Amino acid sequence: MSVAALSNRELQVFEMVGQGRSTRTIAEQLGISTKTVESHVARIKEKLELEDHTQLVQQATLWLSAEGRV
């Protein structure tokens, strides 16, 4: 699957993960709970067919770089 399959909020979380932000920091900056961030992360991993958090961070970082956002 592609990043295009992500919702707007999932894309925000994905971008922040790629920036190296923690779950707590993401939650604080978006005004949501850490559980909600964890739910978004789980759905992102499912949609992008990623097995673990390391793969998520790698993909998010690569995506940010390709988008010129780093």
C-alpha atoms as a PDB file:
ATOM      1  CA  MET A   1       0.000   0.000   0.000  1.00  0.00           C
ATOM      2  CA  SER A   2       0.979   3.558  -0.444  1.00  0.00           C
ATOM      3  CA  VAL A   3       1.099   6.562   1.852  1.00  0.00           C
ATOM      4  CA  ALA A   4      -1.862   7.895  -0.163  1.00  0.00           C
ATOM      5  CA  ALA A   5      -4.031   5.328   1.670  1.00  0.00           C
ATOM      6  CA  LEU A   6      -3.468   7.124   4.990  1.00  0.00           C
ATOM      7  CA  SER A   7      -6.046   9.494   6.453  1.00  0.00           C
ATOM      8  CA  ASN A   8      -5.032  13.102   7.084  1.00  0.00           C
ATOM      9  CA  ARG A   9      -4.487  12.424  10.798  1.00  0.00           C
ATOM     10  CA  GLU A  10      -2.529   9.232  10.087  1.00  0.00           C
ATOM     11  CA  LEU A  11      -0.363  11.213   7.681  1.00  0.00           C
ATOM     12  CA  GLN A  12       0.311  13.805  10.397  1.00  0.00           C
ATOM     13  CA  VAL A  13       1.331  11.053  12.820  1.00  0.00           C
ATOM     14  CA  PHE A  14       3.434   9.337  10.129  1.00  0.00           C
ATOM     15  CA  GLU A  15       5.268  12.588   9.421  1.00  0.00           C
ATOM     16  CA  MET A  16       5.935  13.218  13.108  1.00  0.00           C
ATOM     17  CA  VAL A  17       7.228   9.664  13.572  1.00  0.00           C
ATOM     18  CA  GLY A  18       9.603  10.323  10.672  1.00  0.00           C
ATOM     19  CA  GLN A  19      10.785  13.448  12.473  1.00  0.00           C
ATOM     20  CA  GLY A  20      11.755  11.282  15.435  1.00  0.00           C
ATOM     21  CA  ARG A  21       9.026  12.491  17.791  1.00  0.00           C
ATOM     22  CA  SER A  22       7.857  10.261  20.625  1.00  0.00           C
ATOM     23  CA  THR A  23       4.307   9.053  21.112  1.00  0.00           C
ATOM     24  CA  ARG A  24       3.904  11.428  24.056  1.00  0.00           C
ATOM     25  CA  THR A  25       5.205  14.404  22.057  1.00  0.00           C
ATOM     26  CA  ILE A  26       2.941  13.603  19.107  1.00  0.00           C
ATOM     27  CA  ALA A  27      -0.043  13.331  21.446  1.00  0.00           C
ATOM     28  CA  GLU A  28       0.736  16.656  23.113  1.00  0.00           C
ATOM     29  CA  GLN A  29       1.280  18.485  19.829  1.00  0.00           C
ATOM     30  CA  LEU A  30      -1.905  17.122  18.250  1.00  0.00           C
ATOM     31  CA  GLY A  31      -3.988  17.461  21.402  1.00  0.00           C
ATOM     32  CA  ILE A  32      -4.907  13.767  21.524  1.00  0.00           C
ATOM     33  CA  SER A  33      -4.176  10.940  23.947  1.00  0.00           C
ATOM     34  CA  THR A  34      -1.170   8.646  23.673  1.00  0.00           C
ATOM     35  CA  LYS A  35      -3.610   5.737  23.182  1.00  0.00           C
ATOM     36  CA  THR A  36      -5.049   7.504  20.146  1.00  0.00           C
ATOM     37  CA  VAL A  37      -1.547   8.007  18.731  1.00  0.00           C
ATOM     38  CA  GLU A  38      -0.852   4.308  19.314  1.00  0.00           C
ATOM     39  CA  SER A  39      -4.075   3.436  17.455  1.00  0.00           C
ATOM     40  CA  HIS A  40      -3.047   5.633  14.515  1.00  0.00           C
ATOM     41  CA  VAL A  41       0.403   4.024  14.481  1.00  0.00           C
ATOM     42  CA  ALA A  42      -1.139   0.539  14.465  1.00  0.00           C
ATOM     43  CA  ARG A  43      -3.397   1.444  11.526  1.00  0.00           C
ATOM     44  CA  ILE A  44      -0.492   3.037   9.643  1.00  0.00           C
ATOM     45  CA  LYS A  45       1.596  -0.114  10.078  1.00  0.00           C
ATOM     46  CA  GLU A  46      -1.333  -2.227   8.921  1.00  0.00           C
ATOM     47  CA  LYS A  47      -2.072  -0.080   5.867  1.00  0.00           C
ATOM     48  CA  LEU A  48       1.595   0.111   4.844  1.00  0.00           C
ATOM     49  CA  GLU A  49       2.159  -3.571   5.660  1.00  0.00           C
ATOM     50  CA  LEU A  50       4.970  -2.836   8.102  1.00  0.00           C
ATOM     51  CA  GLU A  51       5.953  -5.425  10.690  1.00  0.00           C
ATOM     52  CA  ASP A  52       7.390  -3.276  13.459  1.00  0.00           C
ATOM     53  CA  HIS A  53       8.157   0.216  14.692  1.00  0.00           C
ATOM     54  CA  THR A  54      11.639   0.199  13.167  1.00  0.00           C
ATOM     55  CA  GLN A  55      10.184  -0.323   9.696  1.00  0.00           C
ATOM     56  CA  LEU A  56       7.660   2.432  10.380  1.00  0.00           C
ATOM     57  CA  VAL A  57      10.385   4.916  11.322  1.00  0.00           C
ATOM     58  CA  GLN A  58      12.473   3.939   8.283  1.00  0.00           C
ATOM     59  CA  GLN A  59       9.538   4.361   5.880  1.00  0.00           C
ATOM     60  CA  ALA A  60       8.474   7.646   7.448  1.00  0.00           C
ATOM     61  CA  THR A  61      12.018   9.005   7.230  1.00  0.00           C
ATOM     62  CA  LEU A  62      12.356   7.921   3.598  1.00  0.00           C
ATOM     63  CA  TRP A  63       8.983   9.472   2.769  1.00  0.00           C
ATOM     64  CA  LEU A  64       9.931  12.778   4.413  1.00  0.00           C
ATOM     65  CA  SER A  65      13.185  12.830   2.472  1.00  0.00           C
ATOM     66  CA  ALA A  66      11.442  12.058  -0.833  1.00  0.00           C
ATOM     67  CA  GLU A  67       8.877  14.785  -0.132  1.00  0.00           C
ATOM     68  CA  GLY A  68      11.641  17.275   0.652  1.00  0.00           C
ATOM     69  CA  ARG A  69      10.345  17.805   4.177  1.00  0.00           C
ATOM     70  CA  VAL A  70      13.587  17.058   5.994  1.00  0.00           C
END
